[in-house]
Amino acid sequence: MKKIYLSALIISLVLILLSCKGEPGDKGTTGTTGPKGADGSILVMFQQGNYPSSAYSGVKDTSIVNVNYNYNYGGCFINGAGAYTSYIATRTLIKFDLYDIVPSNVTVTKAELILTLNQIYGSNTYTAYKLTRDWLEGNFCNAASTTVSTWNKYGTGDWTTFGGDYDPTPVSNSVYVSGTLPQTIKFSLDTSMVQNWISDPLTNYGIIIIAKNESVINNSIFWDTKETTSGPLLKIYYKLP
């Protein structure tokens, strides 16, 4: 009888322990850099060589210049926009590879692009637009090329419109810049665009930054590129399903 009672007691304890087992937690998210915010959003950041990890190398950026219409700047340490003395109508293309880093079924609540300025000339207003064609960054710096991005070309072929193919509807706020260094500027990006970049990476061609005034010289800014430790920084706030 004691053996029977002891066996029954052990079985009861096992059943109790099994019933107390917790539900599995949320699956971890690659690139999460902090706790959830007040609204439940999670922050993930992207910056060449820094975030989500030192191994991240998914940034492309290059300036294109209408004066040097066949020159590539993909390997330079500065990019810019606006009108400079010898670089009238300068624009910059930027793309962050988000493939397989953020789960594709998250809901983006906010997205911000932060640039660290290294030169400011005059005053101007800058806006981001969605690129509608993929492009090749190149690794030249102020050198001619016919196979990577320039003012006239996205790679081996020509842009439909010289200066880049983009949707004319802004995908950010317009940022007015003047004054002196040091400065960083922040663009609030359209969340539906970033959402599409995550859910369908093939739609991600990046953005182009264009100044409102591209004709009056000495109204431009330049910033650190991905070749530096303080290149373009993308912050995405999202919620898990």
C-alpha atoms as a PDB file:
ATOM      1  CA  MET A   1       0.000   0.000   0.000  1.00  0.00           C
ATOM      2  CA  LYS A   2       2.858   2.390   0.783  1.00  0.00           C
ATOM      3  CA  LYS A   3       4.393   1.775  -2.640  1.00  0.00           C
ATOM      4  CA  ILE A   4       1.092   2.446  -4.338  1.00  0.00           C
ATOM      5  CA  TYR A   5       0.573   5.642  -2.328  1.00  0.00           C
ATOM      6  CA  LEU A   6       4.112   6.848  -3.053  1.00  0.00           C
ATOM      7  CA  SER A   7       3.676   6.239  -6.791  1.00  0.00           C
ATOM      8  CA  ALA A   8       0.405   8.144  -6.833  1.00  0.00           C
ATOM      9  CA  LEU A   9       2.020  11.036  -4.981  1.00  0.00           C
ATOM     10  CA  ILE A  10       4.892  11.253  -7.502  1.00  0.00           C
ATOM     11  CA  ILE A  11       2.456  11.248 -10.424  1.00  0.00           C
ATOM     12  CA  SER A  12       0.428  14.031  -8.800  1.00  0.00           C
ATOM     13  CA  LEU A  13       3.547  16.164  -8.304  1.00  0.00           C
ATOM     14  CA  VAL A  14       4.574  15.714 -11.933  1.00  0.00           C
ATOM     15  CA  LEU A  15       1.134  16.738 -13.156  1.00  0.00           C
ATOM     16  CA  ILE A  16       1.217  19.840 -10.936  1.00  0.00           C
ATOM     17  CA  LEU A  17       4.637  20.857 -12.280  1.00  0.00           C
ATOM     18  CA  LEU A  18       3.521  20.402 -15.891  1.00  0.00           C
ATOM     19  CA  SER A  19       0.419  22.496 -15.355  1.00  0.00           C
ATOM     20  CA  CYS A  20       2.545  25.334 -13.965  1.00  0.00           C
ATOM     21  CA  LYS A  21       4.767  25.544 -17.052  1.00  0.00           C
ATOM     22  CA  GLY A  22       4.647  29.081 -18.500  1.00  0.00           C
ATOM     23  CA  GLU A  23       3.703  30.003 -22.026  1.00  0.00           C
ATOM     24  CA  PRO A  24       6.632  30.477 -24.413  1.00  0.00           C
ATOM     25  CA  GLY A  25       7.872  34.067 -24.683  1.00  0.00           C
ATOM     26  CA  ASP A  26       8.073  36.190 -27.814  1.00  0.00           C
ATOM     27  CA  LYS A  27      10.690  35.104 -30.268  1.00  0.00           C
ATOM     28  CA  GLY A  28      13.736  37.339 -30.037  1.00  0.00           C
ATOM     29  CA  THR A  29      14.248  39.922 -32.745  1.00  0.00           C
ATOM     30  CA  THR A  30      17.590  40.402 -34.433  1.00  0.00           C
ATOM     31  CA  GLY A  31      18.886  43.912 -33.963  1.00  0.00           C
ATOM     32  CA  THR A  32      16.742  44.912 -30.971  1.00  0.00           C
ATOM     33  CA  THR A  33      18.725  47.584 -29.130  1.00  0.00           C
ATOM     34  CA  GLY A  34      16.560  48.401 -26.187  1.00  0.00           C
ATOM     35  CA  PRO A  35      13.382  47.708 -24.203  1.00  0.00           C
ATOM     36  CA  LYS A  36       9.916  48.451 -25.465  1.00  0.00           C
ATOM     37  CA  GLY A  37       8.826  52.070 -25.418  1.00  0.00           C
ATOM     38  CA  ALA A  38       5.743  53.487 -23.747  1.00  0.00           C
ATOM     39  CA  ASP A  39       3.597  52.489 -26.731  1.00  0.00           C
ATOM     40  CA  GLY A  40       5.095  48.995 -26.882  1.00  0.00           C
ATOM     41  CA  SER A  41       7.405  49.776 -29.809  1.00  0.00           C
ATOM     42  CA  ILE A  42      10.855  48.232 -30.113  1.00  0.00           C
ATOM     43  CA  LEU A  43      13.806  50.164 -31.498  1.00  0.00           C
ATOM     44  CA  VAL A  44      16.271  48.740 -34.005  1.00  0.00           C
ATOM     45  CA  MET A  45      19.085  50.807 -35.532  1.00  0.00           C
ATOM     46  CA  PHE A  46      21.109  50.434 -38.725  1.00  0.00           C
ATOM     47  CA  GLN A  47      24.506  52.018 -39.311  1.00  0.00           C
ATOM     48  CA  GLN A  48      27.429  50.639 -41.273  1.00  0.00           C
ATOM     49  CA  GLY A  49      29.838  48.827 -38.949  1.00  0.00           C
ATOM     50  CA  ASN A  50      27.894  49.745 -35.797  1.00  0.00           C
ATOM     51  CA  TYR A  51      24.234  48.638 -35.727  1.00  0.00           C
ATOM     52  CA  PRO A  52      22.609  46.165 -35.413  1.00  0.00           C
ATOM     53  CA  SER A  53      26.170  44.815 -34.958  1.00  0.00           C
ATOM     54  CA  SER A  54      29.714  45.619 -36.008  1.00  0.00           C
ATOM     55  CA  ALA A  55      29.271  43.095 -38.842  1.00  0.00           C
ATOM     56  CA  TYR A  56      26.454  45.042 -40.504  1.00  0.00           C
ATOM     57  CA  SER A  57      27.479  46.232 -43.988  1.00  0.00           C
ATOM     58  CA  GLY A  58      24.108  46.873 -45.615  1.00  0.00           C
ATOM     59  CA  VAL A  59      24.373  50.606 -46.344  1.00  0.00           C
ATOM     60  CA  LYS A  60      24.847  52.089 -49.825  1.00  0.00           C
ATOM     61  CA  ASP A  61      25.354  55.818 -50.365  1.00  0.00           C
ATOM     62  CA  THR A  62      26.709  58.077 -53.068  1.00  0.00           C
ATOM     63  CA  SER A  63      26.326  61.637 -54.252  1.00  0.00           C
ATOM     64  CA  ILE A  64      25.449  62.483 -57.847  1.00  0.00           C
ATOM     65  CA  VAL A  65      26.400  65.855 -59.349  1.00  0.00           C
ATOM     66  CA  ASN A  66      25.007  67.450 -62.507  1.00  0.00           C
ATOM     67  CA  VAL A  67      28.219  69.344 -63.348  1.00  0.00           C
ATOM     68  CA  ASN A  68      30.272  66.137 -63.163  1.00  0.00           C
ATOM     69  CA  TYR A  69      27.456  64.122 -64.714  1.00  0.00           C
ATOM     70  CA  ASN A  70      29.641  61.059 -65.392  1.00  0.00           C
ATOM     71  CA  TYR A  71      31.473  61.031 -62.033  1.00  0.00           C
ATOM     72  CA  ASN A  72      30.896  58.581 -59.191  1.00  0.00           C
ATOM     73  CA  TYR A  73      31.266  59.400 -55.473  1.00  0.00           C
ATOM     74  CA  GLY A  74      30.412  56.028 -53.893  1.00  0.00           C
ATOM     75  CA  GLY A  75      33.770  55.720 -52.126  1.00  0.00           C
ATOM     76  CA  CYS A  76      33.939  59.240 -50.685  1.00  0.00           C
ATOM     77  CA  PHE A  77      33.909  60.144 -46.996  1.00  0.00           C
ATOM     78  CA  ILE A  78      31.341  62.905 -47.523  1.00  0.00           C
ATOM     79  CA  ASN A  79      28.013  63.127 -49.350  1.00  0.00           C
ATOM     80  CA  GLY A  80      25.847  66.168 -49.782  1.00  0.00           C
ATOM     81  CA  ALA A  81      22.938  68.040 -51.291  1.00  0.00           C
ATOM     82  CA  GLY A  82      22.326  71.544 -52.553  1.00  0.00           C
ATOM     83  CA  ALA A  83      24.430  73.946 -54.604  1.00  0.00           C
ATOM     84  CA  TYR A  84      28.127  74.293 -53.883  1.00  0.00           C
ATOM     85  CA  THR A  85      30.612  76.522 -55.724  1.00  0.00           C
ATOM     86  CA  SER A  86      31.849  73.830 -58.110  1.00  0.00           C
ATOM     87  CA  TYR A  87      29.115  71.234 -57.450  1.00  0.00           C
ATOM     88  CA  ILE A  88      25.806  72.807 -58.416  1.00  0.00           C
ATOM     89  CA  ALA A  89      22.815  70.445 -58.060  1.00  0.00           C
ATOM     90  CA  THR A  90      24.304  67.829 -55.768  1.00  0.00           C
ATOM     91  CA  ARG A  91      22.001  65.027 -54.578  1.00  0.00           C
ATOM     92  CA  THR A  92      22.608  61.874 -52.528  1.00  0.00           C
ATOM     93  CA  LEU A  93      21.260  58.336 -52.808  1.00  0.00           C
ATOM     94  CA  ILE A  94      21.036  56.226 -49.619  1.00  0.00           C
ATOM     95  CA  LYS A  95      19.827  52.680 -49.089  1.00  0.00           C
ATOM     96  CA  PHE A  96      19.728  50.442 -45.988  1.00  0.00           C
ATOM     97  CA  ASP A  97      19.436  46.686 -46.474  1.00  0.00           C
ATOM     98  CA  LEU A  98      16.777  45.465 -44.018  1.00  0.00           C
ATOM     99  CA  TYR A  99      16.435  41.971 -45.464  1.00  0.00           C
ATOM    100  CA  ASP A 100      16.123  39.179 -42.875  1.00  0.00           C
ATOM    101  CA  ILE A 101      16.975  41.476 -39.955  1.00  0.00           C
ATOM    102  CA  VAL A 102      13.602  42.762 -38.832  1.00  0.00           C
ATOM    103  CA  PRO A 103      10.738  40.190 -38.997  1.00  0.00           C
ATOM    104  CA  SER A 104       8.622  40.825 -42.061  1.00  0.00           C
ATOM    105  CA  ASN A 105       5.316  40.908 -40.167  1.00  0.00           C
ATOM    106  CA  VAL A 106       6.108  43.711 -37.720  1.00  0.00           C
ATOM    107  CA  THR A 107       4.242  47.022 -37.700  1.00  0.00           C
ATOM    108  CA  VAL A 108       6.464  50.073 -38.141  1.00  0.00           C
ATOM    109  CA  THR A 109       5.397  52.960 -35.890  1.00  0.00           C
ATOM    110  CA  LYS A 110       8.201  55.449 -36.590  1.00  0.00           C
ATOM    111  CA  ALA A 111      11.345  55.722 -38.720  1.00  0.00           C
ATOM    112  CA  GLU A 112      14.095  58.335 -38.578  1.00  0.00           C
ATOM    113  CA  LEU A 113      17.187  58.999 -40.692  1.00  0.00           C
ATOM    114  CA  ILE A 114      19.961  60.882 -38.896  1.00  0.00           C
ATOM    115  CA  LEU A 115      22.900  62.500 -40.703  1.00  0.00           C
ATOM    116  CA  THR A 116      26.023  63.948 -39.082  1.00  0.00           C
ATOM    117  CA  LEU A 117      26.943  67.145 -40.885  1.00  0.00           C
ATOM    118  CA  ASN A 118      30.549  68.099 -41.545  1.00  0.00           C
ATOM    119  CA  GLN A 119      30.039  71.183 -43.750  1.00  0.00           C
ATOM    120  CA  ILE A 120      27.299  73.830 -43.943  1.00  0.00           C
ATOM    121  CA  TYR A 121      27.122  76.554 -46.595  1.00  0.00           C
ATOM    122  CA  GLY A 122      24.417  79.197 -46.481  1.00  0.00           C
ATOM    123  CA  SER A 123      20.909  77.966 -45.753  1.00  0.00           C
ATOM    124  CA  ASN A 124      18.625  75.573 -47.574  1.00  0.00           C
ATOM    125  CA  THR A 125      15.790  73.095 -47.111  1.00  0.00           C
ATOM    126  CA  TYR A 126      16.260  69.370 -47.703  1.00  0.00           C
ATOM    127  CA  THR A 127      13.721  66.604 -48.364  1.00  0.00           C
ATOM    128  CA  ALA A 128      13.856  62.848 -48.997  1.00  0.00           C
ATOM    129  CA  TYR A 129      12.091  61.129 -51.913  1.00  0.00           C
ATOM    130  CA  LYS A 130      11.609  57.433 -52.673  1.00  0.00           C
ATOM    131  CA  LEU A 131      13.802  56.060 -55.437  1.00  0.00           C
ATOM    132  CA  THR A 132      11.929  54.012 -58.034  1.00  0.00           C
ATOM    133  CA  ARG A 133      14.884  52.189 -59.561  1.00  0.00           C
ATOM    134  CA  ASP A 134      17.737  50.175 -58.119  1.00  0.00           C
ATOM    135  CA  TRP A 135      21.266  51.545 -58.532  1.00  0.00           C
ATOM    136  CA  LEU A 136      24.909  50.604 -58.156  1.00  0.00           C
ATOM    137  CA  GLU A 137      26.818  52.503 -55.496  1.00  0.00           C
ATOM    138  CA  GLY A 138      30.342  52.310 -56.924  1.00  0.00           C
ATOM    139  CA  ASN A 139      33.565  52.863 -54.991  1.00  0.00           C
ATOM    140  CA  PHE A 140      35.095  55.813 -56.802  1.00  0.00           C
ATOM    141  CA  CYS A 141      35.552  59.262 -55.281  1.00  0.00           C
ATOM    142  CA  ASN A 142      35.266  62.086 -57.788  1.00  0.00           C
ATOM    143  CA  ALA A 143      36.181  59.872 -60.724  1.00  0.00           C
ATOM    144  CA  ALA A 144      34.514  59.117 -64.056  1.00  0.00           C
ATOM    145  CA  SER A 145      32.644  55.849 -64.556  1.00  0.00           C
ATOM    146  CA  THR A 146      30.138  54.364 -66.992  1.00  0.00           C
ATOM    147  CA  THR A 147      29.156  51.313 -64.908  1.00  0.00           C
ATOM    148  CA  VAL A 148      27.983  52.716 -61.538  1.00  0.00           C
ATOM    149  CA  SER A 149      25.782  55.558 -60.281  1.00  0.00           C
ATOM    150  CA  THR A 150      26.368  59.066 -61.628  1.00  0.00           C
ATOM    151  CA  TRP A 151      24.065  61.986 -62.422  1.00  0.00           C
ATOM    152  CA  ASN A 152      23.267  60.361 -65.777  1.00  0.00           C
ATOM    153  CA  LYS A 153      23.443  56.654 -64.934  1.00  0.00           C
ATOM    154  CA  TYR A 154      22.077  54.240 -62.314  1.00  0.00           C
ATOM    155  CA  GLY A 155      24.720  51.705 -63.354  1.00  0.00           C
ATOM    156  CA  THR A 156      25.321  50.506 -66.878  1.00  0.00           C
ATOM    157  CA  GLY A 157      22.119  52.199 -68.048  1.00  0.00           C
ATOM    158  CA  ASP A 158      20.755  55.742 -67.974  1.00  0.00           C
ATOM    159  CA  TRP A 159      18.248  57.063 -65.460  1.00  0.00           C
ATOM    160  CA  THR A 160      14.909  57.751 -67.119  1.00  0.00           C
ATOM    161  CA  THR A 161      15.408  61.321 -65.917  1.00  0.00           C
ATOM    162  CA  PHE A 162      18.965  62.496 -65.323  1.00  0.00           C
ATOM    163  CA  GLY A 163      19.524  63.175 -61.642  1.00  0.00           C
ATOM    164  CA  GLY A 164      17.777  60.011 -60.440  1.00  0.00           C
ATOM    165  CA  ASP A 165      14.438  58.257 -60.862  1.00  0.00           C
ATOM    166  CA  TYR A 166      12.215  59.003 -57.870  1.00  0.00           C
ATOM    167  CA  ASP A 167       8.607  59.534 -56.864  1.00  0.00           C
ATOM    168  CA  PRO A 168       8.035  63.314 -56.587  1.00  0.00           C
ATOM    169  CA  THR A 169       5.883  62.863 -53.475  1.00  0.00           C
ATOM    170  CA  PRO A 170       8.085  63.523 -50.408  1.00  0.00           C
ATOM    171  CA  VAL A 171       8.632  60.629 -48.005  1.00  0.00           C
ATOM    172  CA  SER A 172      10.009  62.792 -45.196  1.00  0.00           C
ATOM    173  CA  ASN A 173       9.587  66.120 -43.515  1.00  0.00           C
ATOM    174  CA  SER A 174      11.513  69.031 -45.029  1.00  0.00           C
ATOM    175  CA  VAL A 175      14.533  70.009 -42.924  1.00  0.00           C
ATOM    176  CA  TYR A 176      15.801  73.591 -42.941  1.00  0.00           C
ATOM    177  CA  VAL A 177      19.526  73.868 -42.225  1.00  0.00           C
ATOM    178  CA  SER A 178      21.659  76.912 -41.493  1.00  0.00           C
ATOM    179  CA  GLY A 179      24.185  77.981 -38.891  1.00  0.00           C
ATOM    180  CA  THR A 180      27.457  76.348 -37.906  1.00  0.00           C
ATOM    181  CA  LEU A 181      28.828  72.975 -36.891  1.00  0.00           C
ATOM    182  CA  PRO A 182      28.463  70.680 -35.067  1.00  0.00           C
ATOM    183  CA  GLN A 183      25.000  69.674 -36.227  1.00  0.00           C
ATOM    184  CA  THR A 184      23.018  66.524 -36.928  1.00  0.00           C
ATOM    185  CA  ILE A 185      19.789  66.560 -38.908  1.00  0.00           C
ATOM    186  CA  LYS A 186      16.869  64.165 -38.664  1.00  0.00           C
ATOM    187  CA  PHE A 187      14.374  63.156 -41.325  1.00  0.00           C
ATOM    188  CA  SER A 188      11.130  61.500 -40.200  1.00  0.00           C
ATOM    189  CA  LEU A 189      10.515  58.903 -42.901  1.00  0.00           C
ATOM    190  CA  ASP A 190       7.166  57.656 -44.157  1.00  0.00           C
ATOM    191  CA  THR A 191       6.365  54.539 -42.134  1.00  0.00           C
ATOM    192  CA  SER A 192       4.442  52.814 -44.932  1.00  0.00           C
ATOM    193  CA  MET A 193       7.522  53.033 -47.169  1.00  0.00           C
ATOM    194  CA  VAL A 194       9.755  51.516 -44.497  1.00  0.00           C
ATOM    195  CA  GLN A 195       7.078  48.894 -43.817  1.00  0.00           C
ATOM    196  CA  ASN A 196       7.232  47.889 -47.491  1.00  0.00           C
ATOM    197  CA  TRP A 197      11.044  47.721 -47.348  1.00  0.00           C
ATOM    198  CA  ILE A 198      10.721  45.156 -44.563  1.00  0.00           C
ATOM    199  CA  SER A 199       7.796  43.101 -45.875  1.00  0.00           C
ATOM    200  CA  ASP A 200       9.002  43.127 -49.487  1.00  0.00           C
ATOM    201  CA  PRO A 201      12.762  43.824 -49.761  1.00  0.00           C
ATOM    202  CA  LEU A 202      12.545  43.905 -53.557  1.00  0.00           C
ATOM    203  CA  THR A 203      10.714  47.252 -53.284  1.00  0.00           C
ATOM    204  CA  ASN A 204      13.607  48.809 -51.380  1.00  0.00           C
ATOM    205  CA  TYR A 205      15.606  51.081 -53.673  1.00  0.00           C
ATOM    206  CA  GLY A 206      16.323  53.591 -50.930  1.00  0.00           C
ATOM    207  CA  ILE A 207      15.853  57.349 -50.998  1.00  0.00           C
ATOM    208  CA  ILE A 208      17.328  60.428 -52.640  1.00  0.00           C
ATOM    209  CA  ILE A 209      17.928  63.641 -50.693  1.00  0.00           C
ATOM    210  CA  ILE A 210      17.334  66.821 -52.681  1.00  0.00           C
ATOM    211  CA  ALA A 211      17.682  70.485 -51.720  1.00  0.00           C
ATOM    212  CA  LYS A 212      14.895  72.953 -52.450  1.00  0.00           C
ATOM    213  CA  ASN A 213      17.429  75.382 -53.925  1.00  0.00           C
ATOM    214  CA  GLU A 214      19.788  73.707 -56.383  1.00  0.00           C
ATOM    215  CA  SER A 215      20.801  76.737 -58.420  1.00  0.00           C
ATOM    216  CA  VAL A 216      22.195  79.414 -56.077  1.00  0.00           C
ATOM    217  CA  ILE A 217      25.756  78.483 -55.099  1.00  0.00           C
ATOM    218  CA  ASN A 218      26.955  78.133 -51.505  1.00  0.00           C
ATOM    219  CA  ASN A 219      23.636  76.801 -50.245  1.00  0.00           C
ATOM    220  CA  SER A 220      24.477  73.201 -49.424  1.00  0.00           C
ATOM    221  CA  ILE A 221      25.341  70.696 -46.718  1.00  0.00           C
ATOM    222  CA  PHE A 222      27.681  67.725 -46.577  1.00  0.00           C
ATOM    223  CA  TRP A 223      27.649  64.821 -44.134  1.00  0.00           C
ATOM    224  CA  ASP A 224      29.603  61.736 -43.098  1.00  0.00           C
ATOM    225  CA  THR A 225      29.170  58.668 -45.323  1.00  0.00           C
ATOM    226  CA  LYS A 226      29.146  54.967 -44.523  1.00  0.00           C
ATOM    227  CA  GLU A 227      32.921  54.973 -45.012  1.00  0.00           C
ATOM    228  CA  THR A 228      33.171  56.742 -41.629  1.00  0.00           C
ATOM    229  CA  THR A 229      32.158  55.644 -38.131  1.00  0.00           C
ATOM    230  CA  SER A 230      29.386  58.265 -38.041  1.00  0.00           C
ATOM    231  CA  GLY A 231      27.645  57.591 -41.335  1.00  0.00           C
ATOM    232  CA  PRO A 232      23.876  57.619 -41.981  1.00  0.00           C
ATOM    233  CA  LEU A 233      21.896  56.165 -39.075  1.00  0.00           C
ATOM    234  CA  LEU A 234      18.431  54.673 -39.546  1.00  0.00           C
ATOM    235  CA  LYS A 235      16.186  54.185 -36.507  1.00  0.00           C
ATOM    236  CA  ILE A 236      13.090  52.022 -36.878  1.00  0.00           C
ATOM    237  CA  TYR A 237      10.467  51.684 -34.143  1.00  0.00           C
ATOM    238  CA  TYR A 238       8.112  48.738 -34.569  1.00  0.00           C
ATOM    239  CA  LYS A 239       5.646  46.472 -32.805  1.00  0.00           C
ATOM    240  CA  LEU A 240       5.591  42.698 -32.918  1.00  0.00           C
ATOM    241  CA  PRO A 241       2.386  41.048 -34.177  1.00  0.00           C
END
